[in-house]
PDB file of N, CA and C in Angstrom:
ATOM      1  N   UNK A   1     -29.559  80.237  18.399  1.00  0.00           N
ATOM      2  CA  UNK A   1     -28.709  79.513  19.469  1.00  0.00           C
ATOM      3  C   UNK A   1     -28.420  78.154  18.910  1.00  0.00           C
ATOM      4  N   UNK A   2     -29.393  77.555  18.303  1.00  0.00           N
ATOM      5  CA  UNK A   2     -29.175  76.140  17.703  1.00  0.00           C
ATOM      6  C   UNK A   2     -28.055  76.127  16.640  1.00  0.00           C
ATOM      7  N   UNK A   3     -27.952  77.207  15.851  1.00  0.00           N
ATOM      8  CA  UNK A   3     -26.961  77.437  14.970  1.00  0.00           C
ATOM      9  C   UNK A   3     -25.590  77.511  15.564  1.00  0.00           C
ATOM     10  N   UNK A   4     -25.451  78.150  16.565  1.00  0.00           N
ATOM     11  CA  UNK A   4     -24.147  78.318  17.251  1.00  0.00           C
ATOM     12  C   UNK A   4     -23.668  77.020  17.932  1.00  0.00           C
ATOM     13  N   UNK A   5     -24.752  76.327  18.392  1.00  0.00           N
ATOM     14  CA  UNK A   5     -24.379  74.963  19.044  1.00  0.00           C
ATOM     15  C   UNK A   5     -23.859  74.012  17.883  1.00  0.00           C
ATOM     16  N   UNK A   6     -24.548  73.898  16.776  1.00  0.00           N
ATOM     17  CA  UNK A   6     -24.096  73.097  15.655  1.00  0.00           C
ATOM     18  C   UNK A   6     -22.753  73.559  15.079  1.00  0.00           C
ATOM     19  N   UNK A   7     -22.572  74.797  15.069  1.00  0.00           N
ATOM     20  CA  UNK A   7     -21.196  75.337  14.726  1.00  0.00           C
ATOM     21  C   UNK A   7     -20.104  74.933  15.662  1.00  0.00           C
ATOM     22  N   UNK A   8     -20.366  74.905  16.945  1.00  0.00           N
ATOM     23  CA  UNK A   8     -19.402  74.390  17.916  1.00  0.00           C
ATOM     24  C   UNK A   8     -18.989  72.953  17.630  1.00  0.00           C
ATOM     25  N   UNK A   9     -19.909  72.104  17.305  1.00  0.00           N
ATOM     26  CA  UNK A   9     -19.505  70.823  17.009  1.00  0.00           C
ATOM     27  C   UNK A   9     -18.800  70.632  15.746  1.00  0.00           C
ATOM     28  N   UNK A  10     -19.157  71.478  14.827  1.00  0.00           N
ATOM     29  CA  UNK A  10     -18.435  71.499  13.511  1.00  0.00           C
ATOM     30  C   UNK A  10     -17.005  71.947  13.694  1.00  0.00           C
ATOM     31  N   UNK A  11     -16.792  72.973  14.582  1.00  0.00           N
ATOM     32  CA  UNK A  11     -15.405  73.382  14.762  1.00  0.00           C
ATOM     33  C   UNK A  11     -14.601  72.420  15.390  1.00  0.00           C
ATOM     34  N   UNK A  12     -15.189  71.525  16.308  1.00  0.00           N
ATOM     35  CA  UNK A  12     -14.425  70.474  17.013  1.00  0.00           C
ATOM     36  C   UNK A  12     -14.131  69.380  16.143  1.00  0.00           C
ATOM     37  N   UNK A  13     -14.988  69.082  15.123  1.00  0.00           N
ATOM     38  CA  UNK A  13     -14.794  67.829  14.305  1.00  0.00           C
ATOM     39  C   UNK A  13     -13.737  68.101  13.266  1.00  0.00           C
ATOM     40  N   UNK A  14     -13.646  69.353  12.765  1.00  0.00           N
ATOM     41  CA  UNK A  14     -12.532  69.586  11.714  1.00  0.00           C
ATOM     42  C   UNK A  14     -11.595  70.560  12.159  1.00  0.00           C
ATOM     43  N   UNK A  15     -10.516  70.771  11.516  1.00  0.00           N
ATOM     44  CA  UNK A  15      -9.504  71.614  11.848  1.00  0.00           C
ATOM     45  C   UNK A  15      -9.974  73.132  11.604  1.00  0.00           C
ATOM     46  N   UNK A  16     -10.379  73.796  12.684  1.00  0.00           N
ATOM     47  CA  UNK A  16     -10.949  75.172  12.564  1.00  0.00           C
ATOM     48  C   UNK A  16     -12.294  75.221  11.987  1.00  0.00           C
ATOM     49  N   UNK A  17     -12.933  74.110  11.623  1.00  0.00           N
ATOM     50  CA  UNK A  17     -14.218  74.128  11.099  1.00  0.00           C
ATOM     51  C   UNK A  17     -14.400  74.442   9.522  1.00  0.00           C
ATOM     52  N   UNK A  18     -13.209  74.590   8.911  1.00  0.00           N
ATOM     53  CA  UNK A  18     -13.330  74.948   7.507  1.00  0.00           C
ATOM     54  C   UNK A  18     -14.138  74.021   6.777  1.00  0.00           C
ATOM     55  N   UNK A  19     -15.135  74.409   5.902  1.00  0.00           N
ATOM     56  CA  UNK A  19     -15.882  73.639   5.135  1.00  0.00           C
ATOM     57  C   UNK A  19     -17.056  73.117   5.885  1.00  0.00           C
ATOM     58  N   UNK A  20     -16.930  72.515   7.033  1.00  0.00           N
ATOM     59  CA  UNK A  20     -18.135  71.964   7.737  1.00  0.00           C
ATOM     60  C   UNK A  20     -18.889  72.937   8.432  1.00  0.00           C
ATOM     61  N   UNK A  21     -18.277  74.021   9.045  1.00  0.00           N
ATOM     62  CA  UNK A  21     -18.899  75.045   9.729  1.00  0.00           C
ATOM     63  C   UNK A  21     -20.105  75.690   8.963  1.00  0.00           C
ATOM     64  N   UNK A  22     -19.880  76.147   7.723  1.00  0.00           N
ATOM     65  CA  UNK A  22     -21.067  76.694   6.928  1.00  0.00           C
ATOM     66  C   UNK A  22     -22.008  75.718   6.617  1.00  0.00           C
ATOM     67  N   UNK A  23     -21.615  74.533   6.377  1.00  0.00           N
ATOM     68  CA  UNK A  23     -22.753  73.446   6.121  1.00  0.00           C
ATOM     69  C   UNK A  23     -23.522  73.157   7.368  1.00  0.00           C
ATOM     70  N   UNK A  24     -22.950  73.102   8.468  1.00  0.00           N
ATOM     71  CA  UNK A  24     -23.685  72.892   9.741  1.00  0.00           C
ATOM     72  C   UNK A  24     -24.638  73.971   9.918  1.00  0.00           C
ATOM     73  N   UNK A  25     -24.152  75.333   9.794  1.00  0.00           N
ATOM     74  CA  UNK A  25     -25.045  76.378  10.054  1.00  0.00           C
ATOM     75  C   UNK A  25     -26.350  76.437   9.110  1.00  0.00           C
ATOM     76  N   UNK A  26     -25.973  76.144   7.757  1.00  0.00           N
ATOM     77  CA  UNK A  26     -26.944  75.988   6.719  1.00  0.00           C
ATOM     78  C   UNK A  26     -27.936  74.946   7.053  1.00  0.00           C
ATOM     79  N   UNK A  27     -27.544  73.904   7.422  1.00  0.00           N
ATOM     80  CA  UNK A  27     -28.510  72.798   7.744  1.00  0.00           C
ATOM     81  C   UNK A  27     -29.431  73.023   8.888  1.00  0.00           C
ATOM     82  N   UNK A  28     -28.849  73.652   9.794  1.00  0.00           N
ATOM     83  CA  UNK A  28     -29.679  74.062  11.070  1.00  0.00           C
ATOM     84  C   UNK A  28     -30.711  75.157  10.571  1.00  0.00           C
ATOM     85  N   UNK A  29     -30.157  76.080   9.961  1.00  0.00           N
ATOM     86  CA  UNK A  29     -31.056  77.189   9.670  1.00  0.00           C
ATOM     87  C   UNK A  29     -32.154  76.744   8.576  1.00  0.00           C
ATOM     88  N   UNK A  30     -31.834  75.684   7.848  1.00  0.00           N
ATOM     89  CA  UNK A  30     -32.844  75.094   6.922  1.00  0.00           C
ATOM     90  C   UNK A  30     -34.108  74.636   7.757  1.00  0.00           C
ATOM     91  N   UNK A  31     -33.873  74.186   8.922  1.00  0.00           N
ATOM     92  CA  UNK A  31     -35.024  73.772   9.757  1.00  0.00           C
ATOM     93  C   UNK A  31     -36.035  74.923  10.047  1.00  0.00           C
ATOM     94  N   UNK A  32     -35.450  76.234  10.022  1.00  0.00           N
ATOM     95  CA  UNK A  32     -36.286  77.272  10.220  1.00  0.00           C
ATOM     96  C   UNK A  32     -36.616  78.117   8.939  1.00  0.00           C
ATOM     97  N   UNK A  33     -36.624  77.415   7.851  1.00  0.00           N
ATOM     98  CA  UNK A  33     -37.165  77.750   6.589  1.00  0.00           C
ATOM     99  C   UNK A  33     -36.202  78.981   5.986  1.00  0.00           C
ATOM    100  N   UNK A  34     -34.879  79.031   6.383  1.00  0.00           N
ATOM    101  CA  UNK A  34     -34.014  79.898   5.788  1.00  0.00           C
ATOM    102  C   UNK A  34     -33.402  79.200   4.553  1.00  0.00           C
ATOM    103  N   UNK A  35     -33.349  79.841   3.380  1.00  0.00           N
ATOM    104  CA  UNK A  35     -32.751  79.243   2.217  1.00  0.00           C
ATOM    105  C   UNK A  35     -31.323  78.773   2.503  1.00  0.00           C
ATOM    106  N   UNK A  36     -30.951  77.607   1.821  1.00  0.00           N
ATOM    107  CA  UNK A  36     -29.592  77.062   1.972  1.00  0.00           C
ATOM    108  C   UNK A  36     -28.493  78.021   1.707  1.00  0.00           C
ATOM    109  N   UNK A  37     -28.720  78.721   0.500  1.00  0.00           N
ATOM    110  CA  UNK A  37     -27.525  79.753   0.220  1.00  0.00           C
ATOM    111  C   UNK A  37     -27.326  80.759   1.213  1.00  0.00           C
ATOM    112  N   UNK A  38     -28.419  81.302   1.771  1.00  0.00           N
ATOM    113  CA  UNK A  38     -28.353  82.251   2.823  1.00  0.00           C
ATOM    114  C   UNK A  38     -27.721  81.709   4.041  1.00  0.00           C
ATOM    115  N   UNK A  39     -28.119  80.484   4.487  1.00  0.00           N
ATOM    116  CA  UNK A  39     -27.362  79.915   5.574  1.00  0.00           C
ATOM    117  C   UNK A  39     -25.997  79.621   5.391  1.00  0.00           C
ATOM    118  N   UNK A  40     -25.623  79.193   4.213  1.00  0.00           N
ATOM    119  CA  UNK A  40     -24.136  79.012   3.882  1.00  0.00           C
ATOM    120  C   UNK A  40     -23.332  80.250   3.880  1.00  0.00           C
ATOM    121  N   UNK A  41     -23.966  81.311   3.275  1.00  0.00           N
ATOM    122  CA  UNK A  41     -23.278  82.603   3.261  1.00  0.00           C
ATOM    123  C   UNK A  41     -23.143  83.123   4.677  1.00  0.00           C
ATOM    124  N   UNK A  42     -24.105  82.997   5.537  1.00  0.00           N
ATOM    125  CA  UNK A  42     -24.050  83.457   6.961  1.00  0.00           C
ATOM    126  C   UNK A  42     -22.974  82.594   7.604  1.00  0.00           C
ATOM    127  N   UNK A  43     -22.908  81.337   7.393  1.00  0.00           N
ATOM    128  CA  UNK A  43     -21.914  80.493   7.950  1.00  0.00           C
ATOM    129  C   UNK A  43     -20.455  80.798   7.563  1.00  0.00           C
ATOM    130  N   UNK A  44     -20.328  81.195   6.317  1.00  0.00           N
ATOM    131  CA  UNK A  44     -18.976  81.677   5.721  1.00  0.00           C
ATOM    132  C   UNK A  44     -18.561  83.004   6.490  1.00  0.00           C
ATOM    133  N   UNK A  45     -19.538  83.891   6.605  1.00  0.00           N
ATOM    134  CA  UNK A  45     -19.201  85.111   7.245  1.00  0.00           C
ATOM    135  C   UNK A  45     -18.806  84.931   8.709  1.00  0.00           C
ATOM    136  N   UNK A  46     -19.683  84.090   9.419  1.00  0.00           N
ATOM    137  CA  UNK A  46     -19.369  83.873  10.853  1.00  0.00           C
ATOM    138  C   UNK A  46     -17.951  83.073  10.934  1.00  0.00           C
ATOM    139  N   UNK A  47     -17.815  82.191  10.139  1.00  0.00           N
ATOM    140  CA  UNK A  47     -16.302  81.410  10.173  1.00  0.00           C
ATOM    141  C   UNK A  47     -15.262  82.450   9.865  1.00  0.00           C
ATOM    142  N   UNK A  48     -15.385  83.275   8.899  1.00  0.00           N
ATOM    143  CA  UNK A  48     -14.266  84.245   8.498  1.00  0.00           C
ATOM    144  C   UNK A  48     -13.992  85.225   9.724  1.00  0.00           C
ATOM    145  N   UNK A  49     -15.184  85.784  10.266  1.00  0.00           N
ATOM    146  CA  UNK A  49     -15.087  86.676  11.351  1.00  0.00           C
ATOM    147  C   UNK A  49     -14.331  85.998  12.595  1.00  0.00           C
ATOM    148  N   UNK A  50     -14.758  84.817  12.868  1.00  0.00           N
ATOM    149  CA  UNK A  50     -14.043  84.170  13.945  1.00  0.00           C
ATOM    150  C   UNK A  50     -12.631  83.899  13.747  1.00  0.00           C
ATOM    151  N   UNK A  51     -12.271  83.450  12.576  1.00  0.00           N
ATOM    152  CA  UNK A  51     -10.927  83.145  12.239  1.00  0.00           C
ATOM    153  C   UNK A  51      -9.996  84.441  12.193  1.00  0.00           C
ATOM    154  N   UNK A  52     -10.511  85.462  11.641  1.00  0.00           N
ATOM    155  CA  UNK A  52      -9.874  86.749  11.753  1.00  0.00           C
ATOM    156  C   UNK A  52      -9.642  87.325  13.200  1.00  0.00           C
ATOM    157  N   UNK A  53     -10.631  87.066  13.990  1.00  0.00           N
ATOM    158  CA  UNK A  53     -10.525  87.560  15.323  1.00  0.00           C
ATOM    159  C   UNK A  53      -9.424  86.727  16.140  1.00  0.00           C
ATOM    160  N   UNK A  54      -9.327  85.357  15.928  1.00  0.00           N
ATOM    161  CA  UNK A  54      -8.307  84.564  16.472  1.00  0.00           C
ATOM    162  C   UNK A  54      -6.962  84.996  16.007  1.00  0.00           C
ATOM    163  N   UNK A  55      -6.884  85.211  14.641  1.00  0.00           N
ATOM    164  CA  UNK A  55      -5.487  85.774  14.163  1.00  0.00           C
ATOM    165  C   UNK A  55      -5.089  87.122  14.758  1.00  0.00           C
ATOM    166  N   UNK A  56      -6.053  88.010  14.794  1.00  0.00           N
ATOM    167  CA  UNK A  56      -5.746  89.371  15.264  1.00  0.00           C
ATOM    168  C   UNK A  56      -5.375  89.313  16.746  1.00  0.00           C
ATOM    169  N   UNK A  57      -6.289  88.605  17.526  1.00  0.00           N
ATOM    170  CA  UNK A  57      -5.977  88.599  18.994  1.00  0.00           C
ATOM    171  C   UNK A  57      -4.656  87.845  19.312  1.00  0.00           C
ATOM    172  N   UNK A  58      -4.425  86.816  18.500  1.00  0.00           N
ATOM    173  CA  UNK A  58      -3.154  86.116  18.687  1.00  0.00           C
ATOM    174  C   UNK A  58      -1.910  86.960  18.345  1.00  0.00           C
ATOM    175  N   UNK A  59      -1.996  87.693  17.271  1.00  0.00           N
ATOM    176  CA  UNK A  59      -0.946  88.600  16.841  1.00  0.00           C
ATOM    177  C   UNK A  59      -0.652  89.646  17.958  1.00  0.00           C
ATOM    178  N   UNK A  60      -1.789  90.216  18.353  1.00  0.00           N
ATOM    179  CA  UNK A  60      -1.692  91.307  19.441  1.00  0.00           C
ATOM    180  C   UNK A  60      -1.049  90.694  20.719  1.00  0.00           C
ATOM    181  N   UNK A  61      -1.434  89.452  21.084  1.00  0.00           N
ATOM    182  CA  UNK A  61      -0.953  88.959  22.277  1.00  0.00           C
ATOM    183  C   UNK A  61       0.576  88.642  22.144  1.00  0.00           C
ATOM    184  N   UNK A  62       0.972  88.132  20.908  1.00  0.00           N
ATOM    185  CA  UNK A  62       2.332  87.725  20.705  1.00  0.00           C
ATOM    186  C   UNK A  62       3.142  89.088  20.885  1.00  0.00           C
ATOM    187  N   UNK A  63       2.635  90.151  20.310  1.00  0.00           N
ATOM    188  CA  UNK A  63       3.464  91.432  20.291  1.00  0.00           C
ATOM    189  C   UNK A  63       3.518  91.911  21.784  1.00  0.00           C
ATOM    190  N   UNK A  64       2.360  91.931  22.523  1.00  0.00           N
ATOM    191  CA  UNK A  64       2.420  92.383  23.861  1.00  0.00           C
ATOM    192  C   UNK A  64       3.251  91.445  24.818  1.00  0.00           C
ATOM    193  N   UNK A  65       3.408  90.140  24.442  1.00  0.00           N
ATOM    194  CA  UNK A  65       4.201  89.237  25.254  1.00  0.00           C
ATOM    195  C   UNK A  65       5.602  89.542  25.140  1.00  0.00           C
ATOM    196  N   UNK A  66       6.017  90.052  23.887  1.00  0.00           N
ATOM    197  CA  UNK A  66       7.521  90.461  23.790  1.00  0.00           C
ATOM    198  C   UNK A  66       7.798  91.658  24.477  1.00  0.00           C
ATOM    199  N   UNK A  67       6.851  92.632  24.597  1.00  0.00           N
ATOM    200  CA  UNK A  67       7.232  93.911  25.348  1.00  0.00           C
ATOM    201  C   UNK A  67       7.157  93.608  26.853  1.00  0.00           C
ATOM    202  N   UNK A  68       6.214  92.717  27.315  1.00  0.00           N
ATOM    203  CA  UNK A  68       6.055  92.482  28.818  1.00  0.00           C
ATOM    204  C   UNK A  68       7.394  91.602  29.204  1.00  0.00           C
ATOM    205  N   UNK A  69       7.702  90.775  28.449  1.00  0.00           N
ATOM    206  CA  UNK A  69       8.981  89.842  28.872  1.00  0.00           C
ATOM    207  C   UNK A  69      10.287  90.623  28.750  1.00  0.00           C
ATOM    208  N   UNK A  70      10.320  91.673  28.030  1.00  0.00           N
ATOM    209  CA  UNK A  70      11.622  92.474  28.040  1.00  0.00           C
ATOM    210  C   UNK A  70      11.628  93.340  29.346  1.00  0.00           C
ATOM    211  N   UNK A  71      10.416  93.745  29.958  1.00  0.00           N
ATOM    212  CA  UNK A  71      10.508  94.485  31.082  1.00  0.00           C
ATOM    213  C   UNK A  71      10.846  93.733  32.264  1.00  0.00           C
ATOM    214  N   UNK A  72      10.517  92.467  32.308  1.00  0.00           N
ATOM    215  CA  UNK A  72      10.823  91.701  33.563  1.00  0.00           C
ATOM    216  C   UNK A  72      12.040  90.901  33.405  1.00  0.00           C
TER     217      UNK A  72
END
């Protein structure tokens, strides 16, 4: 939970959290004796998954919006 809270602040400080998000996750997980490389790798995996989800959901929404607006 602490890692996700730190990630939230990292996302708001930089544009999309690129670069800072994995560092924030790694630094928080280091407090729990998780190696820094594992924390950074996990941070990059989370950042990539969130970014792809936003792109995918935005693309689907844009496509659906064109079909819905044509009907009305």
